[in-house]
C-alpha atoms as a PDB file:
ATOM      1  CA  MET A   1      -0.011  -0.052  -0.031  1.00  0.00           C
ATOM      2  CA  ILE A   2       2.971   2.346   0.700  1.00  0.00           C
ATOM      3  CA  HIS A   3       4.358   2.130  -2.781  1.00  0.00           C
ATOM      4  CA  PRO A   4       1.206   2.856  -4.780  1.00  0.00           C
ATOM      5  CA  SER A   5       0.584   5.857  -2.371  1.00  0.00           C
ATOM      6  CA  ILE A   6       4.089   7.227  -2.931  1.00  0.00           C
ATOM      7  CA  HIS A   7       3.609   6.840  -6.598  1.00  0.00           C
ATOM      8  CA  ARG A   8       0.461   8.905  -6.451  1.00  0.00           C
ATOM      9  CA  VAL A   9       1.817  11.449  -4.017  1.00  0.00           C
ATOM     10  CA  PRO A  10       5.641  11.470  -4.192  1.00  0.00           C
ATOM     11  CA  VAL A  11       6.079  13.789  -1.097  1.00  0.00           C
ATOM     12  CA  LEU A  12       4.995  10.806   1.085  1.00  0.00           C
ATOM     13  CA  GLU A  13       8.248   9.223   0.507  1.00  0.00           C
ATOM     14  CA  ARG A  14       9.739  11.757   2.955  1.00  0.00           C
ATOM     15  CA  ALA A  15       6.944  11.418   5.445  1.00  0.00           C
ATOM     16  CA  SER A  16       7.303   9.660   8.821  1.00  0.00           C
ATOM     17  CA  VAL A  17       4.730   7.816  10.768  1.00  0.00           C
ATOM     18  CA  ALA A  18       3.578   9.709  13.947  1.00  0.00           C
ATOM     19  CA  THR A  19       0.939   7.181  14.924  1.00  0.00           C
ATOM     20  CA  SER A  20      -0.732   4.254  13.587  1.00  0.00           C
ATOM     21  CA  TRP A  21      -4.280   2.870  13.708  1.00  0.00           C
ATOM     22  CA  THR A  22      -5.856  -0.282  12.388  1.00  0.00           C
ATOM     23  CA  GLY A  23      -9.513   0.539  12.831  1.00  0.00           C
ATOM     24  CA  VAL A  24     -12.259  -0.717  14.961  1.00  0.00           C
ATOM     25  CA  ARG A  25     -12.279  -4.186  16.445  1.00  0.00           C
ATOM     26  CA  PRO A  26     -15.729  -5.791  15.843  1.00  0.00           C
ATOM     27  CA  VAL A  27     -16.499  -7.438  19.216  1.00  0.00           C
ATOM     28  CA  THR A  28     -19.651  -8.150  20.981  1.00  0.00           C
ATOM     29  CA  LEU A  29     -20.316  -7.287  24.572  1.00  0.00           C
ATOM     30  CA  ASP A  30     -19.887 -10.941  25.593  1.00  0.00           C
ATOM     31  CA  ASP A  31     -16.722 -11.394  23.588  1.00  0.00           C
ATOM     32  CA  HIS A  32     -18.210 -14.082  21.467  1.00  0.00           C
ATOM     33  CA  PRO A  33     -19.033 -13.735  17.736  1.00  0.00           C
ATOM     34  CA  ILE A  34     -22.419 -13.784  16.294  1.00  0.00           C
ATOM     35  CA  LEU A  35     -22.778 -16.574  13.940  1.00  0.00           C
ATOM     36  CA  GLY A  36     -25.994 -17.766  12.262  1.00  0.00           C
ATOM     37  CA  PRO A  37     -29.220 -16.608  10.906  1.00  0.00           C
ATOM     38  CA  VAL A  38     -31.127 -13.449  11.661  1.00  0.00           C
ATOM     39  CA  PRO A  39     -34.543 -14.900  12.578  1.00  0.00           C
ATOM     40  CA  SER A  40     -36.490 -11.796  11.207  1.00  0.00           C
ATOM     41  CA  VAL A  41     -34.746 -11.635   7.893  1.00  0.00           C
ATOM     42  CA  ARG A  42     -35.022 -14.873   5.729  1.00  0.00           C
ATOM     43  CA  GLY A  43     -31.680 -15.890   4.265  1.00  0.00           C
ATOM     44  CA  PHE A  44     -29.609 -13.335   6.204  1.00  0.00           C
ATOM     45  CA  ILE A  45     -26.718 -14.922   8.044  1.00  0.00           C
ATOM     46  CA  LEU A  46     -24.490 -13.111  10.403  1.00  0.00           C
ATOM     47  CA  ASN A  47     -20.772 -13.931  10.816  1.00  0.00           C
ATOM     48  CA  CYS A  48     -19.281 -11.073  12.760  1.00  0.00           C
ATOM     49  CA  GLY A  49     -17.960  -9.988  16.106  1.00  0.00           C
ATOM     50  CA  TRP A  50     -14.773 -11.954  15.972  1.00  0.00           C
ATOM     51  CA  GLY A  51     -12.562  -9.216  17.154  1.00  0.00           C
ATOM     52  CA  GLY A  52      -8.841  -9.788  16.849  1.00  0.00           C
ATOM     53  CA  THR A  53      -9.319 -13.425  16.102  1.00  0.00           C
ATOM     54  CA  GLY A  54     -11.329 -13.044  12.896  1.00  0.00           C
ATOM     55  CA  ILE A  55      -8.434 -13.770  10.583  1.00  0.00           C
ATOM     56  CA  ILE A  56      -7.481 -16.806  12.651  1.00  0.00           C
ATOM     57  CA  GLN A  57     -11.039 -18.107  12.930  1.00  0.00           C
ATOM     58  CA  GLY A  58     -11.872 -17.411   9.355  1.00  0.00           C
ATOM     59  CA  PRO A  59     -11.689 -20.980   8.072  1.00  0.00           C
ATOM     60  CA  ILE A  60     -13.959 -22.461  10.595  1.00  0.00           C
ATOM     61  CA  ALA A  61     -16.413 -19.595  10.352  1.00  0.00           C
ATOM     62  CA  GLY A  62     -16.590 -19.953   6.615  1.00  0.00           C
ATOM     63  CA  GLN A  63     -17.102 -23.759   6.988  1.00  0.00           C
ATOM     64  CA  LEU A  64     -19.892 -23.230   9.509  1.00  0.00           C
ATOM     65  CA  VAL A  65     -21.671 -20.641   7.387  1.00  0.00           C
ATOM     66  CA  ALA A  66     -21.366 -22.932   4.296  1.00  0.00           C
ATOM     67  CA  GLU A  67     -22.783 -25.823   6.251  1.00  0.00           C
ATOM     68  CA  TYR A  68     -25.649 -23.783   7.355  1.00  0.00           C
ATOM     69  CA  ILE A  69     -26.308 -22.401   3.941  1.00  0.00           C
ATOM     70  CA  SER A  70     -26.082 -25.733   2.209  1.00  0.00           C
ATOM     71  CA  LYS A  71     -27.817 -27.966   4.849  1.00  0.00           C
ATOM     72  CA  GLY A  72     -29.891 -25.634   7.009  1.00  0.00           C
ATOM     73  CA  GLN A  73     -27.745 -26.552  10.047  1.00  0.00           C
ATOM     74  CA  THR A  74     -24.137 -27.125  10.979  1.00  0.00           C
ATOM     75  CA  GLU A  75     -22.562 -30.438  11.475  1.00  0.00           C
ATOM     76  CA  THR A  76     -19.079 -29.502  12.691  1.00  0.00           C
ATOM     77  CA  MET A  77     -20.419 -27.787  15.940  1.00  0.00           C
ATOM     78  CA  ASP A  78     -23.644 -26.410  17.320  1.00  0.00           C
ATOM     79  CA  ILE A  79     -23.729 -22.625  16.557  1.00  0.00           C
ATOM     80  CA  ARG A  80     -26.920 -21.927  18.405  1.00  0.00           C
ATOM     81  CA  PRO A  81     -25.082 -20.451  21.435  1.00  0.00           C
ATOM     82  CA  LEU A  82     -23.468 -17.937  18.971  1.00  0.00           C
ATOM     83  CA  GLY A  83     -26.783 -16.758  17.714  1.00  0.00           C
ATOM     84  CA  MET A  84     -27.965 -13.204  18.102  1.00  0.00           C
ATOM     85  CA  GLU A  85     -30.915 -14.384  20.145  1.00  0.00           C
ATOM     86  CA  ARG A  86     -28.725 -14.602  23.140  1.00  0.00           C
ATOM     87  CA  PHE A  87     -29.088 -10.826  23.296  1.00  0.00           C
ATOM     88  CA  LYS A  88     -32.845 -10.825  23.129  1.00  0.00           C
ATOM     89  CA  GLY A  89     -34.416  -9.089  26.142  1.00  0.00           C
ATOM     90  CA  LYS A  90     -31.021  -7.847  27.240  1.00  0.00           C
ATOM     91  CA  SER A  91     -30.598  -4.080  27.848  1.00  0.00           C
ATOM     92  CA  VAL A  92     -27.589  -2.200  26.683  1.00  0.00           C
ATOM     93  CA  LYS A  93     -26.812  -1.547  30.421  1.00  0.00           C
ATOM     94  CA  GLU A  94     -26.990  -5.327  31.263  1.00  0.00           C
ATOM     95  CA  ALA A  95     -24.739  -6.100  28.369  1.00  0.00           C
ATOM     96  CA  GLY A  96     -22.264  -3.410  29.429  1.00  0.00           C
ATOM     97  CA  ASP A  97     -22.221  -4.644  33.006  1.00  0.00           C
ATOM     98  CA  PHE A  98     -21.521  -8.127  31.792  1.00  0.00           C
ATOM     99  CA  TRP A  99     -18.664  -6.816  29.603  1.00  0.00           C
ATOM    100  CA  GLU A 100     -17.114  -4.829  32.472  1.00  0.00           C
ATOM    101  CA  ARG A 101     -17.319  -7.977  34.663  1.00  0.00           C
ATOM    102  CA  SER A 102     -15.647 -10.022  32.135  1.00  0.00           C
ATOM    103  CA  GLN A 103     -12.821  -7.472  31.559  1.00  0.00           C
ATOM    104  CA  ALA A 104     -12.299  -7.157  35.218  1.00  0.00           C
ATOM    105  CA  LYS A 105     -12.012 -10.999  35.544  1.00  0.00           C
ATOM    106  CA  GLU A 106      -9.529 -11.138  32.609  1.00  0.00           C
ATOM    107  CA  MET A 107      -7.421  -8.459  34.186  1.00  0.00           C
ATOM    108  CA  LYS A 108      -7.411 -10.330  37.456  1.00  0.00           C
ATOM    109  CA  GLU A 109      -6.525 -13.586  35.795  1.00  0.00           C
ATOM    110  CA  GLY A 110      -4.047 -11.946  33.497  1.00  0.00           C
ATOM    111  CA  THR A 111      -5.571 -13.275  30.335  1.00  0.00           C
ATOM    112  CA  SER A 112      -6.198 -10.091  28.345  1.00  0.00           C
END
């Protein structure tokens, strides 16, 4: 990406990096991805919220989505716990409280 940028804007060759940023990390409030169908939209399947592990988990996520699309269910593993229905009836406050508790636990255990 750097070389095409310099080609288009030659002055960038003399630029230095002051800071860097990679963008948002798409995570859910319970730190688990959302994987599976959207009940209210026929044929719409979510595969999101993987955070920093999205690239690593891509192969299994793709396999599970392919299984669901082709067979109407998954065979490799049960994806129901990853469905968006787990958030039904939960308020943003409850989800935020859960996230704060999980982060505090990770910090205490040294797993973050």
